[in-house]
Amino acid sequence: MRTTIDIDDQLLLYAKHQAVKQGCTIKQILEDALRDFFSHPTTQHDVVSLETFSGAGLKPGVNLDNSRSLSDIMDDY
């Protein structure tokens, strides 16, 4: 089946070099890579249970939606 995909330039260049090195086509390189990718079953991860504590909540001035502010606060400790 013919299809069109966008591939990172460096990745495509590497695939071309590998195809020449192995004496095959880019199509074969990509098909082999996809077969290899799909031949490995997806890893199931265990659910992690986090312990929570009661308390007054966030300290005044802490905004969990502002990563720069959080970084500044952590740098102070």
N, C-alpha and C. Protein backbone atom coordinates (compact mmCIF):
# COMPACT_ATOMS: atom_id res chain seq x y z
N MET A 1 0.85 -1.18 0.00
CA MET A 1 0.00 0.00 0.00
C MET A 1 0.89 1.23 0.00
N ARG A 2 0.58 2.17 -0.80
CA ARG A 2 1.34 3.42 -0.87
C ARG A 2 0.74 4.40 0.12
N THR A 3 1.62 5.08 0.86
CA THR A 3 1.17 6.10 1.81
C THR A 3 2.23 7.17 1.92
N THR A 4 1.86 8.31 2.45
CA THR A 4 2.80 9.41 2.63
C THR A 4 2.87 9.73 4.12
N ILE A 5 4.10 9.84 4.63
CA ILE A 5 4.29 10.22 6.03
C ILE A 5 5.38 11.28 6.11
N ASP A 6 5.34 12.08 7.15
CA ASP A 6 6.40 13.06 7.42
C ASP A 6 7.36 12.46 8.44
N ILE A 7 8.64 12.43 8.09
CA ILE A 7 9.67 11.87 8.95
C ILE A 7 10.74 12.93 9.17
N ASP A 8 11.24 13.00 10.37
CA ASP A 8 12.34 13.91 10.69
C ASP A 8 13.48 13.69 9.69
N ASP A 9 14.06 14.79 9.20
CA ASP A 9 15.10 14.71 8.17
C ASP A 9 16.29 13.85 8.60
N GLN A 10 16.75 14.02 9.84
CA GLN A 10 17.90 13.26 10.31
C GLN A 10 17.57 11.77 10.42
N LEU A 11 16.36 11.47 10.84
CA LEU A 11 15.94 10.07 10.97
C LEU A 11 15.86 9.41 9.58
N LEU A 12 15.32 10.14 8.61
CA LEU A 12 15.24 9.62 7.25
C LEU A 12 16.64 9.40 6.67
N LEU A 13 17.55 10.34 6.91
CA LEU A 13 18.92 10.20 6.43
C LEU A 13 19.57 8.96 7.04
N TYR A 14 19.35 8.76 8.32
CA TYR A 14 19.89 7.57 9.00
C TYR A 14 19.30 6.29 8.39
N ALA A 15 18.00 6.31 8.11
CA ALA A 15 17.35 5.14 7.50
C ALA A 15 17.93 4.86 6.12
N LYS A 16 18.19 5.91 5.35
CA LYS A 16 18.79 5.73 4.02
C LYS A 16 20.18 5.12 4.12
N HIS A 17 20.97 5.60 5.07
CA HIS A 17 22.32 5.05 5.28
C HIS A 17 22.24 3.58 5.68
N GLN A 18 21.31 3.25 6.55
CA GLN A 18 21.15 1.85 6.97
C GLN A 18 20.72 0.97 5.81
N ALA A 19 19.86 1.49 4.96
CA ALA A 19 19.41 0.72 3.80
C ALA A 19 20.58 0.42 2.87
N VAL A 20 21.42 1.43 2.61
CA VAL A 20 22.59 1.21 1.77
C VAL A 20 23.53 0.21 2.43
N LYS A 21 23.76 0.40 3.71
CA LYS A 21 24.67 -0.47 4.47
C LYS A 21 24.20 -1.93 4.45
N GLN A 22 22.87 -2.13 4.55
CA GLN A 22 22.32 -3.48 4.60
C GLN A 22 21.96 -4.02 3.21
N GLY A 23 22.09 -3.18 2.19
CA GLY A 23 21.77 -3.61 0.83
C GLY A 23 20.29 -3.86 0.62
N CYS A 24 19.47 -3.00 1.18
CA CYS A 24 18.02 -3.15 1.03
C CYS A 24 17.41 -1.78 0.77
N THR A 25 16.10 -1.72 0.73
CA THR A 25 15.40 -0.46 0.46
C THR A 25 14.95 0.19 1.77
N ILE A 26 14.64 1.47 1.66
CA ILE A 26 14.09 2.19 2.82
C ILE A 26 12.76 1.55 3.23
N LYS A 27 12.00 1.11 2.24
CA LYS A 27 10.72 0.44 2.52
C LYS A 27 10.96 -0.76 3.44
N GLN A 28 11.97 -1.56 3.14
CA GLN A 28 12.26 -2.73 3.97
C GLN A 28 12.70 -2.32 5.38
N ILE A 29 13.51 -1.26 5.46
CA ILE A 29 13.95 -0.76 6.77
C ILE A 29 12.74 -0.35 7.61
N LEU A 30 11.84 0.42 7.01
CA LEU A 30 10.65 0.90 7.74
C LEU A 30 9.72 -0.24 8.11
N GLU A 31 9.51 -1.17 7.18
CA GLU A 31 8.64 -2.31 7.49
C GLU A 31 9.22 -3.16 8.61
N ASP A 32 10.53 -3.40 8.57
CA ASP A 32 11.18 -4.17 9.64
C ASP A 32 11.07 -3.46 10.98
N ALA A 33 11.24 -2.13 10.96
CA ALA A 33 11.15 -1.36 12.20
C ALA A 33 9.73 -1.43 12.77
N LEU A 34 8.73 -1.33 11.91
CA LEU A 34 7.34 -1.41 12.37
C LEU A 34 7.01 -2.81 12.88
N ARG A 35 7.49 -3.84 12.16
CA ARG A 35 7.25 -5.21 12.64
C ARG A 35 7.88 -5.42 14.01
N ASP A 36 9.10 -4.93 14.17
CA ASP A 36 9.79 -5.07 15.46
C ASP A 36 9.03 -4.33 16.56
N PHE A 37 8.58 -3.12 16.25
CA PHE A 37 7.85 -2.32 17.23
C PHE A 37 6.57 -3.03 17.68
N PHE A 38 5.82 -3.57 16.72
CA PHE A 38 4.54 -4.21 17.05
C PHE A 38 4.68 -5.63 17.58
N SER A 39 5.87 -6.21 17.46
CA SER A 39 6.06 -7.58 17.97
C SER A 39 6.26 -7.61 19.48
N HIS A 40 6.58 -6.47 20.07
CA HIS A 40 6.76 -6.42 21.52
C HIS A 40 5.45 -6.02 22.17
N PRO A 41 4.93 -6.86 23.06
CA PRO A 41 3.68 -6.47 23.72
C PRO A 41 3.88 -5.23 24.57
N THR A 42 2.84 -4.43 24.63
CA THR A 42 2.94 -3.24 25.46
C THR A 42 3.07 -3.63 26.92
N THR A 43 3.90 -2.92 27.61
CA THR A 43 4.16 -3.20 29.01
C THR A 43 3.03 -2.68 29.88
N GLN A 44 2.53 -3.54 30.73
CA GLN A 44 1.51 -3.12 31.68
C GLN A 44 2.21 -2.63 32.94
N HIS A 45 1.85 -1.47 33.39
CA HIS A 45 2.45 -0.90 34.59
C HIS A 45 1.53 -1.11 35.78
N ASP A 46 2.12 -1.42 36.91
CA ASP A 46 1.35 -1.56 38.13
C ASP A 46 0.82 -0.20 38.57
N VAL A 47 -0.36 -0.19 39.12
CA VAL A 47 -0.93 1.03 39.65
C VAL A 47 -0.21 1.37 40.95
N VAL A 48 0.22 2.60 41.05
CA VAL A 48 0.93 3.04 42.25
C VAL A 48 -0.06 3.76 43.14
N SER A 49 -0.09 3.34 44.39
CA SER A 49 -0.97 3.98 45.36
C SER A 49 -0.14 4.98 46.16
N LEU A 50 -0.55 6.23 46.12
CA LEU A 50 0.17 7.27 46.84
C LEU A 50 -0.54 7.57 48.15
N GLU A 51 0.26 7.68 49.19
CA GLU A 51 -0.29 8.00 50.50
C GLU A 51 -0.57 9.50 50.56
N THR A 52 -1.73 9.84 51.05
CA THR A 52 -2.08 11.25 51.17
C THR A 52 -2.21 11.62 52.64
N PHE A 53 -2.06 12.88 52.91
CA PHE A 53 -2.12 13.39 54.27
C PHE A 53 -3.11 14.52 54.33
N SER A 54 -3.72 14.68 55.47
CA SER A 54 -4.63 15.80 55.64
C SER A 54 -3.81 17.01 56.06
N GLY A 55 -4.36 18.15 55.87
CA GLY A 55 -3.65 19.35 56.26
C GLY A 55 -4.40 20.57 55.79
N ALA A 56 -3.75 21.69 55.88
CA ALA A 56 -4.38 22.96 55.54
C ALA A 56 -4.34 23.24 54.05
N GLY A 57 -3.71 22.37 53.28
CA GLY A 57 -3.63 22.59 51.84
C GLY A 57 -2.35 23.31 51.46
N LEU A 58 -2.40 24.03 50.36
CA LEU A 58 -1.21 24.72 49.86
C LEU A 58 -0.87 25.92 50.73
N LYS A 59 0.40 26.23 50.76
CA LYS A 59 0.83 27.45 51.45
C LYS A 59 0.32 28.65 50.66
N PRO A 60 0.09 29.75 51.31
CA PRO A 60 -0.36 30.95 50.60
C PRO A 60 0.65 31.34 49.51
N GLY A 61 0.15 31.71 48.37
CA GLY A 61 1.01 32.15 47.27
C GLY A 61 1.46 31.04 46.34
N VAL A 62 1.15 29.77 46.66
CA VAL A 62 1.55 28.66 45.80
C VAL A 62 0.47 28.42 44.76
N ASN A 63 0.88 28.47 43.49
CA ASN A 63 -0.05 28.24 42.38
C ASN A 63 0.48 27.05 41.59
N LEU A 64 -0.20 25.92 41.66
CA LEU A 64 0.25 24.70 40.99
C LEU A 64 0.20 24.81 39.47
N ASP A 65 -0.48 25.80 38.94
CA ASP A 65 -0.56 25.99 37.49
C ASP A 65 0.57 26.87 36.95
N ASN A 66 1.42 27.37 37.84
CA ASN A 66 2.50 28.27 37.43
C ASN A 66 3.84 27.60 37.72
N SER A 67 4.43 26.94 36.71
CA SER A 67 5.66 26.17 36.93
C SER A 67 6.84 27.07 37.30
N ARG A 68 6.89 28.26 36.76
CA ARG A 68 8.00 29.17 37.10
C ARG A 68 7.93 29.56 38.57
N SER A 69 6.73 29.85 39.04
CA SER A 69 6.55 30.20 40.44
C SER A 69 6.93 29.03 41.34
N LEU A 70 6.52 27.82 40.97
CA LEU A 70 6.87 26.63 41.75
C LEU A 70 8.37 26.42 41.78
N SER A 71 9.03 26.63 40.64
CA SER A 71 10.48 26.48 40.57
C SER A 71 11.16 27.48 41.50
N ASP A 72 10.68 28.73 41.51
CA ASP A 72 11.25 29.75 42.38
C ASP A 72 11.08 29.37 43.85
N ILE A 73 9.91 28.85 44.19
CA ILE A 73 9.64 28.44 45.57
C ILE A 73 10.56 27.30 45.97
N MET A 74 10.75 26.30 45.09
CA MET A 74 11.60 25.17 45.41
C MET A 74 13.05 25.58 45.52
N ASP A 75 13.47 26.57 44.74
CA ASP A 75 14.85 27.04 44.82
C ASP A 75 15.15 27.70 46.18
N ASP A 76 14.11 28.22 46.81
CA ASP A 76 14.29 28.89 48.11
C ASP A 76 14.52 27.89 49.24
N TYR A 77 14.21 26.59 49.03
CA TYR A 77 14.36 25.59 50.09
C TYR A 77 15.67 24.90 49.99
